Amino acid sequence: MALFKRRTVGKPGEWYYCLKHKKVEDGPECRAADRFGPYATREEAAHAMDTARERNVEWETDPKWHDAGRNGPDED
C-alpha cells in the first residue's frame, strides 16, 4: 500500500509551472519533480522562473549563508 496517494486532479484555483514542458498547468498535470507550485493565480505560475531567479539571487547574496570559513564564522 502506498504511503501517499498520487493526486492527478488539482484543487480549484491551483496553478503550476511545468519545468519539463515550460508551460502553466491548471492543476498538476506533470509529476511533482518537474513542476513548481501550487500558485494562487495563472499569472503567478507564469512568472515562476522569474520568482525562482530572484530567490536564487537573494540566497546567493545572503550573508547568513556565506560564513567566513568552512568550519564556521569564527574561523580566520
C-alpha atoms as a PDB file:
ATOM      1  CA  MET A   1       0.000   0.000   0.000  1.00  0.00           C
ATOM      2  CA  ALA A   2       1.404   3.382  -0.978  1.00  0.00           C
ATOM      3  CA  LEU A   3       2.070   5.863   1.775  1.00  0.00           C
ATOM      4  CA  PHE A   4       0.960   8.801  -0.363  1.00  0.00           C
ATOM      5  CA  LYS A   5      -1.775   8.691  -2.930  1.00  0.00           C
ATOM      6  CA  ARG A   6      -0.796  10.254  -6.253  1.00  0.00           C
ATOM      7  CA  ARG A   7      -3.074  13.157  -6.917  1.00  0.00           C
ATOM      8  CA  THR A   8      -3.886  13.542 -10.596  1.00  0.00           C
ATOM      9  CA  VAL A   9      -6.535  16.240 -10.300  1.00  0.00           C
ATOM     10  CA  GLY A  10      -5.778  19.617  -8.749  1.00  0.00           C
ATOM     11  CA  LYS A  11      -7.926  21.597  -6.416  1.00  0.00           C
ATOM     12  CA  PRO A  12      -9.834  24.514  -7.936  1.00  0.00           C
ATOM     13  CA  GLY A  13      -7.587  27.560  -8.143  1.00  0.00           C
ATOM     14  CA  GLU A  14      -4.261  25.687  -8.113  1.00  0.00           C
ATOM     15  CA  TRP A  15      -1.789  26.594 -10.842  1.00  0.00           C
ATOM     16  CA  TYR A  16       1.600  25.035 -11.562  1.00  0.00           C
ATOM     17  CA  TYR A  17       4.549  25.727 -13.825  1.00  0.00           C
ATOM     18  CA  CYS A  18       5.904  22.640 -15.592  1.00  0.00           C
ATOM     19  CA  LEU A  19       9.697  22.745 -15.901  1.00  0.00           C
ATOM     20  CA  LYS A  20       9.748  19.938 -18.458  1.00  0.00           C
ATOM     21  CA  HIS A  21       7.208  21.424 -20.883  1.00  0.00           C
ATOM     22  CA  LYS A  22       7.808  25.083 -19.911  1.00  0.00           C
ATOM     23  CA  LYS A  23       4.121  25.845 -19.566  1.00  0.00           C
ATOM     24  CA  VAL A  24       1.498  26.779 -16.998  1.00  0.00           C
ATOM     25  CA  GLU A  25      -0.802  23.970 -15.873  1.00  0.00           C
ATOM     26  CA  ASP A  26      -4.269  24.198 -14.342  1.00  0.00           C
ATOM     27  CA  GLY A  27      -3.808  21.573 -11.659  1.00  0.00           C
ATOM     28  CA  PRO A  28      -0.965  19.051 -11.507  1.00  0.00           C
ATOM     29  CA  GLU A  29      -0.583  17.512 -14.940  1.00  0.00           C
ATOM     30  CA  CYS A  30       3.075  16.517 -14.702  1.00  0.00           C
ATOM     31  CA  ARG A  31       4.948  14.794 -11.893  1.00  0.00           C
ATOM     32  CA  ALA A  32       5.910  16.857  -8.827  1.00  0.00           C
ATOM     33  CA  ALA A  33       9.648  16.693  -9.574  1.00  0.00           C
ATOM     34  CA  ASP A  34       9.005  18.527 -12.858  1.00  0.00           C
ATOM     35  CA  ARG A  35       6.918  21.439 -11.587  1.00  0.00           C
ATOM     36  CA  PHE A  36       6.803  24.498  -9.354  1.00  0.00           C
ATOM     37  CA  GLY A  37       3.668  25.314  -7.405  1.00  0.00           C
ATOM     38  CA  PRO A  38       0.941  25.451  -6.460  1.00  0.00           C
ATOM     39  CA  TYR A  39       0.339  29.121  -7.174  1.00  0.00           C
ATOM     40  CA  ALA A  40      -2.860  31.019  -6.449  1.00  0.00           C
ATOM     41  CA  THR A  41      -3.148  32.523  -9.931  1.00  0.00           C
ATOM     42  CA  ARG A  42      -2.205  31.700 -13.507  1.00  0.00           C
ATOM     43  CA  GLU A  43      -0.139  34.916 -13.596  1.00  0.00           C
ATOM     44  CA  GLU A  44       1.963  33.841 -10.586  1.00  0.00           C
ATOM     45  CA  ALA A  45       2.603  30.452 -12.193  1.00  0.00           C
ATOM     46  CA  ALA A  46       3.584  32.137 -15.464  1.00  0.00           C
ATOM     47  CA  HIS A  47       6.292  34.073 -13.591  1.00  0.00           C
ATOM     48  CA  ALA A  48       7.579  31.041 -11.674  1.00  0.00           C
ATOM     49  CA  MET A  49      11.021  31.117 -13.316  1.00  0.00           C
ATOM     50  CA  ASP A  50      11.413  34.846 -12.567  1.00  0.00           C
ATOM     51  CA  THR A  51      10.466  34.218  -8.940  1.00  0.00           C
ATOM     52  CA  ALA A  52      12.978  31.349  -8.698  1.00  0.00           C
ATOM     53  CA  ARG A  53      15.712  33.512 -10.239  1.00  0.00           C
ATOM     54  CA  GLU A  54      15.015  36.343  -7.759  1.00  0.00           C
ATOM     55  CA  ARG A  55      15.077  33.934  -4.810  1.00  0.00           C
ATOM     56  CA  ASN A  56      18.377  32.448  -6.017  1.00  0.00           C
ATOM     57  CA  VAL A  57      19.957  35.913  -6.106  1.00  0.00           C
ATOM     58  CA  GLU A  58      18.641  36.639  -2.591  1.00  0.00           C
ATOM     59  CA  TRP A  59      20.108  33.358  -1.341  1.00  0.00           C
ATOM     60  CA  GLU A  60      23.454  33.896  -3.077  1.00  0.00           C
ATOM     61  CA  THR A  61      23.815  37.350  -1.509  1.00  0.00           C
ATOM     62  CA  ASP A  62      22.506  36.452   1.966  1.00  0.00           C
ATOM     63  CA  PRO A  63      25.401  36.783   4.437  1.00  0.00           C
ATOM     64  CA  LYS A  64      23.857  34.158   6.753  1.00  0.00           C
ATOM     65  CA  TRP A  65      24.597  31.516   4.089  1.00  0.00           C
ATOM     66  CA  HIS A  66      28.177  32.604   3.430  1.00  0.00           C
ATOM     67  CA  ASP A  67      30.229  32.132   6.545  1.00  0.00           C
ATOM     68  CA  ALA A  68      33.814  33.426   6.732  1.00  0.00           C
ATOM     69  CA  GLY A  69      35.270  29.916   6.752  1.00  0.00           C
ATOM     70  CA  ARG A  70      34.171  26.403   6.046  1.00  0.00           C
ATOM     71  CA  ASN A  71      34.100  25.462   9.734  1.00  0.00           C
ATOM     72  CA  GLY A  72      32.065  28.465  10.854  1.00  0.00           C
ATOM     73  CA  PRO A  73      32.137  32.234  11.251  1.00  0.00           C
ATOM     74  CA  ASP A  74      34.819  32.168  13.982  1.00  0.00           C
ATOM     75  CA  GLU A  75      37.475  30.759  11.662  1.00  0.00           C
ATOM     76  CA  ASP A  76      40.048  33.341  10.498  1.00  0.00           C
END
